[in-house]
């Protein structure tokens, strides 16, 4: 089984949906990704955020 990573656009969309408090089940429908894939991407995002010092660059 090959893993397919999120594109930049998908990551941006995921970030927006999370900030807008969408439920994971709805996010899976919108992005057409498995729930486990969404959770892995969230974990990956959290690790990257912590490595950058936890500062939001908005």
PDB file of N, CA and C in Angstrom:
ATOM      1  N   UNK A   1       0.842  -1.175   0.000  1.00  0.00           N
ATOM      2  CA  UNK A   1       0.000   0.000   0.000  1.00  0.00           C
ATOM      3  C   UNK A   1       0.888   1.239   0.000  1.00  0.00           C
ATOM      4  N   UNK A   2       0.694   2.086  -0.969  1.00  0.00           N
ATOM      5  CA  UNK A   2       1.498   3.307  -1.021  1.00  0.00           C
ATOM      6  C   UNK A   2       0.758   4.433  -0.306  1.00  0.00           C
ATOM      7  N   UNK A   3       1.526   5.251   0.361  1.00  0.00           N
ATOM      8  CA  UNK A   3       0.933   6.383   1.073  1.00  0.00           C
ATOM      9  C   UNK A   3       0.937   7.599   0.179  1.00  0.00           C
ATOM     10  N   UNK A   4      -0.166   8.309   0.217  1.00  0.00           N
ATOM     11  CA  UNK A   4      -0.278   9.533  -0.555  1.00  0.00           C
ATOM     12  C   UNK A   4      -0.361  10.689   0.423  1.00  0.00           C
ATOM     13  N   UNK A   5       0.556  11.613   0.320  1.00  0.00           N
ATOM     14  CA  UNK A   5       0.623  12.725   1.241  1.00  0.00           C
ATOM     15  C   UNK A   5      -0.316  13.849   0.812  1.00  0.00           C
ATOM     16  N   UNK A   6      -0.591  14.719   1.750  1.00  0.00           N
ATOM     17  CA  UNK A   6      -1.425  15.876   1.473  1.00  0.00           C
ATOM     18  C   UNK A   6      -0.654  16.858   0.600  1.00  0.00           C
ATOM     19  N   UNK A   7      -1.373  17.515  -0.277  1.00  0.00           N
ATOM     20  CA  UNK A   7      -0.780  18.610  -1.040  1.00  0.00           C
ATOM     21  C   UNK A   7      -0.811  19.855  -0.163  1.00  0.00           C
ATOM     22  N   UNK A   8      -0.125  20.889  -0.582  1.00  0.00           N
ATOM     23  CA  UNK A   8      -0.139  22.152   0.150  1.00  0.00           C
ATOM     24  C   UNK A   8      -1.573  22.679   0.250  1.00  0.00           C
ATOM     25  N   UNK A   9      -2.309  22.594  -0.849  1.00  0.00           N
ATOM     26  CA  UNK A   9      -3.695  23.078  -0.852  1.00  0.00           C
ATOM     27  C   UNK A   9      -4.555  22.294   0.131  1.00  0.00           C
ATOM     28  N   UNK A  10      -4.360  20.980   0.191  1.00  0.00           N
ATOM     29  CA  UNK A  10      -5.124  20.158   1.135  1.00  0.00           C
ATOM     30  C   UNK A  10      -4.762  20.503   2.574  1.00  0.00           C
ATOM     31  N   UNK A  11      -3.481  20.740   2.837  1.00  0.00           N
ATOM     32  CA  UNK A  11      -3.063  21.126   4.189  1.00  0.00           C
ATOM     33  C   UNK A  11      -3.672  22.469   4.591  1.00  0.00           C
ATOM     34  N   UNK A  12      -3.670  23.403   3.656  1.00  0.00           N
ATOM     35  CA  UNK A  12      -4.270  24.707   3.934  1.00  0.00           C
ATOM     36  C   UNK A  12      -5.766  24.580   4.204  1.00  0.00           C
ATOM     37  N   UNK A  13      -6.435  23.777   3.404  1.00  0.00           N
ATOM     38  CA  UNK A  13      -7.866  23.557   3.580  1.00  0.00           C
ATOM     39  C   UNK A  13      -8.147  22.898   4.930  1.00  0.00           C
ATOM     40  N   UNK A  14      -7.330  21.909   5.300  1.00  0.00           N
ATOM     41  CA  UNK A  14      -7.472  21.239   6.590  1.00  0.00           C
ATOM     42  C   UNK A  14      -7.314  22.246   7.725  1.00  0.00           C
ATOM     43  N   UNK A  15      -6.323  23.093   7.624  1.00  0.00           N
ATOM     44  CA  UNK A  15      -6.085  24.095   8.665  1.00  0.00           C
ATOM     45  C   UNK A  15      -7.282  25.024   8.812  1.00  0.00           C
ATOM     46  N   UNK A  16      -7.835  25.472   7.698  1.00  0.00           N
ATOM     47  CA  UNK A  16      -9.004  26.357   7.728  1.00  0.00           C
ATOM     48  C   UNK A  16     -10.199  25.649   8.357  1.00  0.00           C
ATOM     49  N   UNK A  17     -10.428  24.409   7.947  1.00  0.00           N
ATOM     50  CA  UNK A  17     -11.568  23.661   8.481  1.00  0.00           C
ATOM     51  C   UNK A  17     -11.433  23.436   9.982  1.00  0.00           C
ATOM     52  N   UNK A  18     -10.221  23.146  10.441  1.00  0.00           N
ATOM     53  CA  UNK A  18     -10.000  22.962  11.875  1.00  0.00           C
ATOM     54  C   UNK A  18     -10.228  24.269  12.639  1.00  0.00           C
ATOM     55  N   UNK A  19      -9.755  25.369  12.089  1.00  0.00           N
ATOM     56  CA  UNK A  19      -9.952  26.667  12.740  1.00  0.00           C
ATOM     57  C   UNK A  19     -11.425  27.045  12.798  1.00  0.00           C
ATOM     58  N   UNK A  20     -12.201  26.560  11.814  1.00  0.00           N
ATOM     59  CA  UNK A  20     -13.637  26.844  11.784  1.00  0.00           C
ATOM     60  C   UNK A  20     -14.433  25.803  12.576  1.00  0.00           C
ATOM     61  N   UNK A  21     -13.710  24.949  13.323  1.00  0.00           N
ATOM     62  CA  UNK A  21     -14.304  23.953  14.226  1.00  0.00           C
ATOM     63  C   UNK A  21     -15.176  22.905  13.534  1.00  0.00           C
ATOM     64  N   UNK A  22     -14.792  22.523  12.313  1.00  0.00           N
ATOM     65  CA  UNK A  22     -15.472  21.421  11.647  1.00  0.00           C
ATOM     66  C   UNK A  22     -15.131  20.128  12.357  1.00  0.00           C
ATOM     67  N   UNK A  23     -16.078  19.211  12.417  1.00  0.00           N
ATOM     68  CA  UNK A  23     -15.819  17.898  13.005  1.00  0.00           C
ATOM     69  C   UNK A  23     -14.996  17.069  12.022  1.00  0.00           C
ATOM     70  N   UNK A  24     -14.216  16.145  12.567  1.00  0.00           N
ATOM     71  CA  UNK A  24     -13.337  15.310  11.742  1.00  0.00           C
ATOM     72  C   UNK A  24     -14.141  14.543  10.690  1.00  0.00           C
ATOM     73  N   UNK A  25     -15.305  14.049  11.065  1.00  0.00           N
ATOM     74  CA  UNK A  25     -16.113  13.291  10.094  1.00  0.00           C
ATOM     75  C   UNK A  25     -16.498  14.159   8.903  1.00  0.00           C
ATOM     76  N   UNK A  26     -16.812  15.421   9.151  1.00  0.00           N
ATOM     77  CA  UNK A  26     -17.157  16.331   8.051  1.00  0.00           C
ATOM     78  C   UNK A  26     -15.924  16.655   7.220  1.00  0.00           C
ATOM     79  N   UNK A  27     -14.790  16.829   7.866  1.00  0.00           N
ATOM     80  CA  UNK A  27     -13.543  17.104   7.152  1.00  0.00           C
ATOM     81  C   UNK A  27     -13.193  15.945   6.222  1.00  0.00           C
ATOM     82  N   UNK A  28     -13.403  14.703   6.691  1.00  0.00           N
ATOM     83  CA  UNK A  28     -13.116  13.550   5.836  1.00  0.00           C
ATOM     84  C   UNK A  28     -13.981  13.562   4.582  1.00  0.00           C
ATOM     85  N   UNK A  29     -15.220  13.994   4.728  1.00  0.00           N
ATOM     86  CA  UNK A  29     -16.121  14.076   3.568  1.00  0.00           C
ATOM     87  C   UNK A  29     -15.674  15.160   2.595  1.00  0.00           C
ATOM     88  N   UNK A  30     -15.278  16.298   3.134  1.00  0.00           N
ATOM     89  CA  UNK A  30     -14.879  17.426   2.285  1.00  0.00           C
ATOM     90  C   UNK A  30     -13.582  17.126   1.536  1.00  0.00           C
ATOM     91  N   UNK A  31     -12.595  16.585   2.261  1.00  0.00           N
ATOM     92  CA  UNK A  31     -11.282  16.328   1.653  1.00  0.00           C
ATOM     93  C   UNK A  31     -11.191  14.969   0.966  1.00  0.00           C
ATOM     94  N   UNK A  32     -12.209  14.136   1.184  1.00  0.00           N
ATOM     95  CA  UNK A  32     -12.244  12.781   0.598  1.00  0.00           C
ATOM     96  C   UNK A  32     -11.007  11.965   1.000  1.00  0.00           C
ATOM     97  N   UNK A  33     -10.729  12.024   2.312  1.00  0.00           N
ATOM     98  CA  UNK A  33      -9.601  11.280   2.888  1.00  0.00           C
ATOM     99  C   UNK A  33     -10.125  10.441   4.045  1.00  0.00           C
ATOM    100  N   UNK A  34      -9.407   9.372   4.349  1.00  0.00           N
ATOM    101  CA  UNK A  34      -9.755   8.517   5.467  1.00  0.00           C
ATOM    102  C   UNK A  34      -9.517   9.252   6.786  1.00  0.00           C
ATOM    103  N   UNK A  35     -10.303   8.900   7.794  1.00  0.00           N
ATOM    104  CA  UNK A  35     -10.181   9.559   9.099  1.00  0.00           C
ATOM    105  C   UNK A  35      -8.778   9.411   9.678  1.00  0.00           C
ATOM    106  N   UNK A  36      -8.199   8.227   9.540  1.00  0.00           N
ATOM    107  CA  UNK A  36      -6.839   8.001  10.057  1.00  0.00           C
ATOM    108  C   UNK A  36      -5.837   8.919   9.352  1.00  0.00           C
ATOM    109  N   UNK A  37      -6.024   9.148   8.084  1.00  0.00           N
ATOM    110  CA  UNK A  37      -5.145  10.036   7.319  1.00  0.00           C
ATOM    111  C   UNK A  37      -5.239  11.466   7.853  1.00  0.00           C
ATOM    112  N   UNK A  38      -6.450  11.890   8.146  1.00  0.00           N
ATOM    113  CA  UNK A  38      -6.656  13.232   8.693  1.00  0.00           C
ATOM    114  C   UNK A  38      -5.949  13.366  10.040  1.00  0.00           C
ATOM    115  N   UNK A  39      -6.128  12.370  10.917  1.00  0.00           N
ATOM    116  CA  UNK A  39      -5.485  12.420  12.231  1.00  0.00           C
ATOM    117  C   UNK A  39      -3.957  12.418  12.122  1.00  0.00           C
ATOM    118  N   UNK A  40      -3.409  11.629  11.188  1.00  0.00           N
ATOM    119  CA  UNK A  40      -1.949  11.626  10.996  1.00  0.00           C
ATOM    120  C   UNK A  40      -1.457  12.997  10.544  1.00  0.00           C
ATOM    121  N   UNK A  41      -2.204  13.616   9.663  1.00  0.00           N
ATOM    122  CA  UNK A  41      -1.808  14.933   9.162  1.00  0.00           C
ATOM    123  C   UNK A  41      -1.876  15.977  10.285  1.00  0.00           C
ATOM    124  N   UNK A  42      -2.870  15.866  11.145  1.00  0.00           N
ATOM    125  CA  UNK A  42      -2.974  16.787  12.284  1.00  0.00           C
ATOM    126  C   UNK A  42      -1.777  16.602  13.205  1.00  0.00           C
ATOM    127  N   UNK A  43      -1.411  15.354  13.491  1.00  0.00           N
ATOM    128  CA  UNK A  43      -0.246  15.089  14.337  1.00  0.00           C
ATOM    129  C   UNK A  43       1.019  15.653  13.705  1.00  0.00           C
ATOM    130  N   UNK A  44       1.147  15.497  12.397  1.00  0.00           N
ATOM    131  CA  UNK A  44       2.310  16.018  11.671  1.00  0.00           C
ATOM    132  C   UNK A  44       2.355  17.542  11.786  1.00  0.00           C
ATOM    133  N   UNK A  45       1.215  18.172  11.655  1.00  0.00           N
ATOM    134  CA  UNK A  45       1.119  19.628  11.751  1.00  0.00           C
ATOM    135  C   UNK A  45       1.517  20.103  13.145  1.00  0.00           C
ATOM    136  N   UNK A  46       1.056  19.414  14.179  1.00  0.00           N
ATOM    137  CA  UNK A  46       1.381  19.792  15.557  1.00  0.00           C
ATOM    138  C   UNK A  46       2.881  19.697  15.790  1.00  0.00           C
ATOM    139  N   UNK A  47       3.521  18.631  15.282  1.00  0.00           N
ATOM    140  CA  UNK A  47       4.971  18.482  15.446  1.00  0.00           C
ATOM    141  C   UNK A  47       5.711  19.626  14.766  1.00  0.00           C
ATOM    142  N   UNK A  48       5.310  19.981  13.573  1.00  0.00           N
ATOM    143  CA  UNK A  48       5.952  21.077  12.842  1.00  0.00           C
ATOM    144  C   UNK A  48       5.758  22.394  13.578  1.00  0.00           C
ATOM    145  N   UNK A  49       4.579  22.597  14.120  1.00  0.00           N
ATOM    146  CA  UNK A  49       4.268  23.820  14.849  1.00  0.00           C
ATOM    147  C   UNK A  49       5.156  23.943  16.082  1.00  0.00           C
ATOM    148  N   UNK A  50       5.336  22.841  16.810  1.00  0.00           N
ATOM    149  CA  UNK A  50       6.166  22.852  18.015  1.00  0.00           C
ATOM    150  C   UNK A  50       7.638  23.087  17.666  1.00  0.00           C
ATOM    151  N   UNK A  51       8.113  22.524  16.541  1.00  0.00           N
ATOM    152  CA  UNK A  51       9.511  22.712  16.134  1.00  0.00           C
ATOM    153  C   UNK A  51       9.813  24.172  15.825  1.00  0.00           C
ATOM    154  N   UNK A  52       8.791  24.906  15.352  1.00  0.00           N
ATOM    155  CA  UNK A  52       8.983  26.313  15.018  1.00  0.00           C
ATOM    156  C   UNK A  52       8.833  27.204  16.243  1.00  0.00           C
ATOM    157  N   UNK A  53       8.744  26.608  17.407  1.00  0.00           N
ATOM    158  CA  UNK A  53       8.654  27.394  18.631  1.00  0.00           C
ATOM    159  C   UNK A  53       7.231  27.698  19.049  1.00  0.00           C
ATOM    160  N   UNK A  54       6.257  27.104  18.358  1.00  0.00           N
ATOM    161  CA  UNK A  54       4.866  27.289  18.738  1.00  0.00           C
ATOM    162  C   UNK A  54       4.308  28.661  18.454  1.00  0.00           C
ATOM    163  N   UNK A  55       4.973  29.401  17.589  1.00  0.00           N
ATOM    164  CA  UNK A  55       4.502  30.746  17.275  1.00  0.00           C
ATOM    165  C   UNK A  55       3.643  30.712  16.032  1.00  0.00           C
ATOM    166  N   UNK A  56       2.487  31.322  16.126  1.00  0.00           N
ATOM    167  CA  UNK A  56       1.585  31.425  14.993  1.00  0.00           C
ATOM    168  C   UNK A  56       2.046  32.595  14.134  1.00  0.00           C
ATOM    169  N   UNK A  57       2.247  32.344  12.853  1.00  0.00           N
ATOM    170  CA  UNK A  57       2.794  33.372  11.967  1.00  0.00           C
ATOM    171  C   UNK A  57       1.719  34.037  11.132  1.00  0.00           C
ATOM    172  N   UNK A  58       0.499  34.184  11.674  1.00  0.00           N
ATOM    173  CA  UNK A  58      -0.596  34.830  10.928  1.00  0.00           C
ATOM    174  C   UNK A  58      -0.384  36.300  10.794  1.00  0.00           C
TER     175      UNK A  58
END
